[in-house]
């Protein structure tokens, strides 16, 4: 995580990463996004100040889904977790791939650039 913050020039930033399971991401996805299904990664931006730190937000990652996706994509679990963490991080930076083609293009470019450095 520190490498991602460094790549974005962020200092004095805190973010949380929760590794969990499909039932938990399903519950959170239903509650916060209105989608009644498990998902691989969710991001919850905070953007608040606490003491001398900026609370960027939380990334919630389902290890169940990460393991399945790693097998399907033919790479290891570590690689899949890295990809999902970067995906969630890009969301915490304020980018969104669900707001149209141009936003998706910018999101994917940012995601790929960060992945290329890790």
N, C-alpha and C. Protein backbone atom coordinates (compact mmCIF):
# COMPACT_ATOMS: atom_id res chain seq x y z
N UNK A 1 0.82 -1.19 0.00
CA UNK A 1 0.00 0.00 0.00
C UNK A 1 0.87 1.25 0.00
N UNK A 2 1.96 1.20 0.73
CA UNK A 2 2.81 2.38 0.81
C UNK A 2 3.37 2.75 -0.56
N UNK A 3 3.62 1.75 -1.40
CA UNK A 3 4.12 2.02 -2.76
C UNK A 3 3.08 2.77 -3.58
N UNK A 4 1.81 2.41 -3.45
CA UNK A 4 0.75 3.11 -4.17
C UNK A 4 0.65 4.56 -3.72
N UNK A 5 0.72 4.77 -2.41
CA UNK A 5 0.66 6.14 -1.89
C UNK A 5 1.85 6.96 -2.40
N UNK A 6 3.02 6.33 -2.40
CA UNK A 6 4.23 7.00 -2.89
C UNK A 6 4.09 7.35 -4.36
N UNK A 7 3.59 6.43 -5.17
CA UNK A 7 3.42 6.68 -6.60
C UNK A 7 2.49 7.84 -6.88
N UNK A 8 1.52 8.04 -6.01
CA UNK A 8 0.56 9.13 -6.18
C UNK A 8 0.99 10.40 -5.44
N UNK A 9 2.16 10.36 -4.80
CA UNK A 9 2.66 11.53 -4.09
C UNK A 9 1.86 11.87 -2.85
N UNK A 10 1.24 10.87 -2.25
CA UNK A 10 0.41 11.08 -1.08
C UNK A 10 1.21 10.83 0.19
N UNK A 11 1.18 11.79 1.10
CA UNK A 11 1.85 11.66 2.39
C UNK A 11 0.85 11.97 3.47
N UNK A 12 1.04 11.40 4.64
CA UNK A 12 0.13 11.65 5.75
C UNK A 12 -1.26 11.13 5.47
N UNK A 13 -1.33 10.02 4.75
CA UNK A 13 -2.61 9.43 4.35
C UNK A 13 -2.76 8.07 5.02
N UNK A 14 -3.96 7.80 5.46
CA UNK A 14 -4.26 6.49 6.02
C UNK A 14 -5.39 5.87 5.22
N UNK A 15 -5.26 4.57 4.97
CA UNK A 15 -6.36 3.83 4.38
C UNK A 15 -6.37 2.44 4.98
N UNK A 16 -7.53 1.84 4.97
CA UNK A 16 -7.69 0.51 5.55
C UNK A 16 -7.97 -0.51 4.46
N UNK A 17 -7.44 -1.70 4.65
CA UNK A 17 -7.69 -2.81 3.74
C UNK A 17 -8.26 -3.95 4.57
N UNK A 18 -9.45 -4.39 4.20
CA UNK A 18 -10.10 -5.51 4.87
C UNK A 18 -10.15 -6.70 3.91
N UNK A 19 -9.59 -7.82 4.32
CA UNK A 19 -9.67 -9.06 3.56
C UNK A 19 -10.77 -9.88 4.20
N UNK A 20 -11.78 -10.24 3.42
CA UNK A 20 -12.95 -10.90 3.97
C UNK A 20 -13.44 -11.99 3.02
N UNK A 21 -14.73 -12.28 3.05
CA UNK A 21 -15.30 -13.37 2.26
C UNK A 21 -16.50 -12.89 1.44
N UNK A 22 -17.04 -13.80 0.63
CA UNK A 22 -18.18 -13.45 -0.22
C UNK A 22 -19.43 -13.04 0.55
N UNK A 23 -19.81 -13.74 1.62
CA UNK A 23 -21.01 -13.29 2.35
C UNK A 23 -20.90 -11.84 2.85
N UNK A 24 -19.72 -11.45 3.27
CA UNK A 24 -19.55 -10.09 3.76
C UNK A 24 -19.63 -9.08 2.62
N UNK A 25 -18.96 -9.35 1.50
CA UNK A 25 -19.03 -8.39 0.39
C UNK A 25 -20.43 -8.35 -0.20
N UNK A 26 -21.15 -9.47 -0.17
CA UNK A 26 -22.53 -9.47 -0.65
C UNK A 26 -23.39 -8.55 0.22
N UNK A 27 -23.24 -8.69 1.52
CA UNK A 27 -24.01 -7.85 2.45
C UNK A 27 -23.68 -6.36 2.23
N UNK A 28 -22.40 -6.03 2.15
CA UNK A 28 -22.00 -4.64 1.94
C UNK A 28 -22.45 -4.11 0.58
N UNK A 29 -22.34 -4.94 -0.45
CA UNK A 29 -22.73 -4.55 -1.79
C UNK A 29 -24.24 -4.28 -1.84
N UNK A 30 -25.00 -5.10 -1.16
CA UNK A 30 -26.46 -4.91 -1.10
C UNK A 30 -26.79 -3.63 -0.34
N UNK A 31 -26.16 -3.45 0.80
CA UNK A 31 -26.46 -2.30 1.66
C UNK A 31 -26.05 -0.97 1.04
N UNK A 32 -24.87 -0.91 0.44
CA UNK A 32 -24.34 0.37 -0.04
C UNK A 32 -24.50 0.62 -1.53
N UNK A 33 -24.71 -0.43 -2.31
CA UNK A 33 -24.81 -0.25 -3.76
C UNK A 33 -26.12 -0.78 -4.32
N UNK A 34 -26.93 -1.42 -3.49
CA UNK A 34 -28.21 -1.96 -3.96
C UNK A 34 -28.06 -3.15 -4.87
N UNK A 35 -26.92 -3.83 -4.80
CA UNK A 35 -26.66 -5.01 -5.65
C UNK A 35 -26.55 -6.23 -4.75
N UNK A 36 -27.47 -7.15 -4.89
CA UNK A 36 -27.53 -8.32 -4.00
C UNK A 36 -26.68 -9.46 -4.53
N UNK A 37 -25.38 -9.23 -4.54
CA UNK A 37 -24.44 -10.27 -4.96
C UNK A 37 -23.07 -9.96 -4.37
N UNK A 38 -22.31 -11.02 -4.19
CA UNK A 38 -20.92 -10.85 -3.73
C UNK A 38 -20.14 -10.14 -4.83
N UNK A 39 -19.09 -9.47 -4.42
CA UNK A 39 -18.24 -8.79 -5.39
C UNK A 39 -16.78 -8.94 -4.96
N UNK A 40 -15.88 -8.67 -5.88
CA UNK A 40 -14.46 -8.86 -5.58
C UNK A 40 -13.90 -7.77 -4.69
N UNK A 41 -14.24 -6.52 -4.95
CA UNK A 41 -13.67 -5.41 -4.18
C UNK A 41 -14.67 -4.27 -4.09
N UNK A 42 -14.70 -3.64 -2.93
CA UNK A 42 -15.51 -2.45 -2.69
C UNK A 42 -14.61 -1.38 -2.10
N UNK A 43 -14.91 -0.14 -2.44
CA UNK A 43 -14.15 0.99 -1.90
C UNK A 43 -15.11 1.95 -1.23
N UNK A 44 -14.70 2.42 -0.07
CA UNK A 44 -15.49 3.37 0.69
C UNK A 44 -14.62 4.60 1.00
N UNK A 45 -14.75 5.66 0.20
CA UNK A 45 -13.92 6.84 0.42
C UNK A 45 -14.38 7.63 1.64
N UNK A 46 -13.40 8.15 2.39
CA UNK A 46 -13.69 9.00 3.53
C UNK A 46 -13.32 10.45 3.22
N UNK A 47 -12.05 10.67 2.88
CA UNK A 47 -11.59 12.02 2.57
C UNK A 47 -11.67 12.99 3.74
N UNK A 48 -11.53 12.50 4.94
CA UNK A 48 -11.61 13.35 6.12
C UNK A 48 -10.23 13.54 6.74
N UNK A 49 -10.08 14.57 7.53
CA UNK A 49 -8.86 14.82 8.28
C UNK A 49 -9.03 14.30 9.69
N UNK A 50 -8.00 13.68 10.23
CA UNK A 50 -7.99 13.22 11.62
C UNK A 50 -6.58 13.43 12.15
N UNK A 51 -6.46 14.38 13.02
CA UNK A 51 -5.12 14.72 13.49
C UNK A 51 -4.33 15.25 12.31
N UNK A 52 -3.16 14.73 12.11
CA UNK A 52 -2.34 15.15 10.98
C UNK A 52 -2.49 14.27 9.76
N UNK A 53 -3.51 13.40 9.74
CA UNK A 53 -3.67 12.45 8.66
C UNK A 53 -4.93 12.71 7.85
N UNK A 54 -4.86 12.39 6.59
CA UNK A 54 -6.03 12.39 5.74
C UNK A 54 -6.50 10.95 5.65
N UNK A 55 -7.74 10.69 6.05
CA UNK A 55 -8.30 9.34 5.99
C UNK A 55 -8.86 9.14 4.58
N UNK A 56 -8.12 8.40 3.77
CA UNK A 56 -8.51 8.21 2.38
C UNK A 56 -9.75 7.34 2.27
N UNK A 57 -9.79 6.23 3.00
CA UNK A 57 -10.96 5.36 2.96
C UNK A 57 -10.62 3.92 3.24
N UNK A 58 -11.55 3.05 2.85
CA UNK A 58 -11.39 1.61 3.07
C UNK A 58 -11.56 0.84 1.78
N UNK A 59 -10.78 -0.20 1.65
CA UNK A 59 -10.90 -1.16 0.56
C UNK A 59 -11.29 -2.48 1.19
N UNK A 60 -12.38 -3.07 0.71
CA UNK A 60 -12.87 -4.36 1.22
C UNK A 60 -12.73 -5.36 0.09
N UNK A 61 -11.98 -6.42 0.33
CA UNK A 61 -11.66 -7.39 -0.73
C UNK A 61 -12.11 -8.78 -0.31
N UNK A 62 -12.83 -9.46 -1.18
CA UNK A 62 -13.26 -10.84 -0.90
C UNK A 62 -12.19 -11.82 -1.37
N UNK A 63 -11.62 -12.54 -0.42
CA UNK A 63 -10.63 -13.56 -0.77
C UNK A 63 -11.28 -14.72 -1.53
N UNK A 64 -12.56 -15.01 -1.24
CA UNK A 64 -13.27 -16.06 -1.98
C UNK A 64 -13.28 -15.75 -3.47
N UNK A 65 -13.71 -14.54 -3.79
CA UNK A 65 -13.80 -14.14 -5.20
C UNK A 65 -12.41 -13.99 -5.81
N UNK A 66 -11.47 -13.46 -5.05
CA UNK A 66 -10.10 -13.30 -5.55
C UNK A 66 -9.50 -14.66 -5.94
N UNK A 67 -9.73 -15.66 -5.13
CA UNK A 67 -9.22 -17.01 -5.43
C UNK A 67 -9.85 -17.55 -6.72
N UNK A 68 -11.15 -17.39 -6.86
CA UNK A 68 -11.84 -17.87 -8.08
C UNK A 68 -11.32 -17.13 -9.31
N UNK A 69 -11.23 -15.82 -9.21
CA UNK A 69 -10.77 -15.03 -10.35
C UNK A 69 -9.33 -15.35 -10.71
N UNK A 70 -8.49 -15.59 -9.73
CA UNK A 70 -7.10 -15.94 -10.01
C UNK A 70 -7.03 -17.24 -10.81
N UNK A 71 -7.82 -18.23 -10.40
CA UNK A 71 -7.86 -19.50 -11.14
C UNK A 71 -8.38 -19.28 -12.57
N UNK A 72 -9.46 -18.53 -12.70
CA UNK A 72 -10.06 -18.28 -14.02
C UNK A 72 -9.11 -17.54 -14.94
N UNK A 73 -8.35 -16.60 -14.38
CA UNK A 73 -7.45 -15.77 -15.19
C UNK A 73 -6.06 -16.39 -15.35
N UNK A 74 -5.81 -17.49 -14.64
CA UNK A 74 -4.56 -18.21 -14.80
C UNK A 74 -3.36 -17.56 -14.15
N UNK A 75 -3.58 -16.80 -13.09
CA UNK A 75 -2.44 -16.28 -12.35
C UNK A 75 -2.64 -16.56 -10.87
N UNK A 76 -1.65 -16.23 -10.07
CA UNK A 76 -1.70 -16.55 -8.65
C UNK A 76 -2.60 -15.63 -7.85
N UNK A 77 -2.91 -16.06 -6.65
CA UNK A 77 -3.75 -15.27 -5.75
C UNK A 77 -3.09 -13.94 -5.43
N UNK A 78 -1.79 -13.93 -5.21
CA UNK A 78 -1.09 -12.69 -4.89
C UNK A 78 -1.28 -11.65 -6.00
N UNK A 79 -1.16 -12.08 -7.25
CA UNK A 79 -1.35 -11.17 -8.39
C UNK A 79 -2.78 -10.63 -8.41
N UNK A 80 -3.74 -11.49 -8.16
CA UNK A 80 -5.15 -11.05 -8.17
C UNK A 80 -5.42 -10.06 -7.05
N UNK A 81 -4.89 -10.32 -5.88
CA UNK A 81 -5.06 -9.38 -4.76
C UNK A 81 -4.44 -8.04 -5.10
N UNK A 82 -3.26 -8.06 -5.70
CA UNK A 82 -2.60 -6.82 -6.11
C UNK A 82 -3.50 -6.03 -7.07
N UNK A 83 -4.06 -6.72 -8.05
CA UNK A 83 -4.93 -6.05 -9.02
C UNK A 83 -6.18 -5.46 -8.35
N UNK A 84 -6.76 -6.21 -7.44
CA UNK A 84 -7.97 -5.73 -6.76
C UNK A 84 -7.67 -4.57 -5.82
N UNK A 85 -6.54 -4.61 -5.13
CA UNK A 85 -6.17 -3.50 -4.26
C UNK A 85 -5.96 -2.24 -5.09
N UNK A 86 -5.27 -2.35 -6.20
CA UNK A 86 -5.06 -1.19 -7.07
C UNK A 86 -6.41 -0.67 -7.58
N UNK A 87 -7.29 -1.57 -7.98
CA UNK A 87 -8.62 -1.17 -8.45
C UNK A 87 -9.35 -0.36 -7.37
N UNK A 88 -9.37 -0.89 -6.16
CA UNK A 88 -10.01 -0.18 -5.06
C UNK A 88 -9.34 1.15 -4.75
N UNK A 89 -8.03 1.18 -4.82
CA UNK A 89 -7.27 2.41 -4.57
C UNK A 89 -7.62 3.49 -5.59
N UNK A 90 -7.73 3.10 -6.84
CA UNK A 90 -8.07 4.08 -7.89
C UNK A 90 -9.46 4.68 -7.60
N UNK A 91 -10.38 3.85 -7.13
CA UNK A 91 -11.68 4.38 -6.73
C UNK A 91 -11.53 5.39 -5.58
N UNK A 92 -10.69 5.08 -4.61
CA UNK A 92 -10.50 6.00 -3.48
C UNK A 92 -9.89 7.32 -3.92
N UNK A 93 -9.18 7.32 -5.03
CA UNK A 93 -8.61 8.55 -5.57
C UNK A 93 -9.67 9.40 -6.27
N UNK A 94 -10.88 8.84 -6.41
CA UNK A 94 -11.97 9.61 -7.01
C UNK A 94 -12.32 9.24 -8.43
N UNK A 95 -11.69 8.22 -8.96
CA UNK A 95 -11.97 7.79 -10.33
C UNK A 95 -13.09 6.75 -10.31
N UNK A 96 -13.85 6.71 -11.41
CA UNK A 96 -14.96 5.76 -11.50
C UNK A 96 -15.07 5.26 -12.93
N UNK A 97 -15.19 3.97 -13.10
CA UNK A 97 -15.29 3.37 -14.44
C UNK A 97 -16.73 3.15 -14.86
N UNK A 98 -17.69 3.55 -14.04
CA UNK A 98 -19.10 3.32 -14.35
C UNK A 98 -19.84 4.59 -14.75
N UNK A 99 -19.11 5.66 -15.06
CA UNK A 99 -19.74 6.94 -15.43
C UNK A 99 -19.60 7.26 -16.90
N UNK A 100 -19.41 6.29 -17.73
CA UNK A 100 -19.28 6.55 -19.16
C UNK A 100 -17.93 6.12 -19.70
N UNK A 101 -17.84 6.13 -21.01
CA UNK A 101 -16.65 5.63 -21.69
C UNK A 101 -15.38 6.41 -21.37
N UNK A 102 -15.47 7.72 -21.35
CA UNK A 102 -14.27 8.53 -21.08
C UNK A 102 -13.77 8.31 -19.65
N UNK A 103 -14.67 8.30 -18.69
CA UNK A 103 -14.27 8.02 -17.30
C UNK A 103 -13.65 6.64 -17.18
N UNK A 104 -14.24 5.67 -17.87
CA UNK A 104 -13.70 4.31 -17.81
C UNK A 104 -12.29 4.26 -18.41
N UNK A 105 -12.08 4.96 -19.52
CA UNK A 105 -10.76 4.99 -20.15
C UNK A 105 -9.72 5.58 -19.19
N UNK A 106 -10.06 6.71 -18.56
CA UNK A 106 -9.15 7.37 -17.63
C UNK A 106 -8.88 6.45 -16.43
N UNK A 107 -9.92 5.82 -15.91
CA UNK A 107 -9.79 4.89 -14.79
C UNK A 107 -8.83 3.77 -15.15
N UNK A 108 -9.06 3.12 -16.28
CA UNK A 108 -8.23 1.97 -16.70
C UNK A 108 -6.77 2.39 -16.92
N UNK A 109 -6.57 3.57 -17.49
CA UNK A 109 -5.20 4.04 -17.70
C UNK A 109 -4.47 4.24 -16.37
N UNK A 110 -5.17 4.84 -15.41
CA UNK A 110 -4.59 5.05 -14.07
C UNK A 110 -4.28 3.70 -13.42
N UNK A 111 -5.23 2.78 -13.52
CA UNK A 111 -5.08 1.45 -12.94
C UNK A 111 -3.88 0.73 -13.55
N UNK A 112 -3.77 0.73 -14.85
CA UNK A 112 -2.66 0.05 -15.53
C UNK A 112 -1.32 0.71 -15.22
N UNK A 113 -1.30 2.04 -15.13
CA UNK A 113 -0.06 2.73 -14.81
C UNK A 113 0.44 2.33 -13.43
N UNK A 114 -0.47 2.31 -12.45
CA UNK A 114 -0.07 1.92 -11.10
C UNK A 114 0.38 0.46 -11.05
N UNK A 115 -0.34 -0.41 -11.73
CA UNK A 115 0.04 -1.82 -11.76
C UNK A 115 1.42 -2.03 -12.38
N UNK A 116 1.74 -1.23 -13.37
CA UNK A 116 3.03 -1.39 -14.06
C UNK A 116 4.21 -1.06 -13.14
N UNK A 117 3.98 -0.28 -12.10
CA UNK A 117 5.04 0.09 -11.16
C UNK A 117 5.18 -0.89 -10.02
N UNK A 118 4.21 -1.78 -9.84
CA UNK A 118 4.25 -2.71 -8.70
C UNK A 118 4.89 -4.04 -9.08
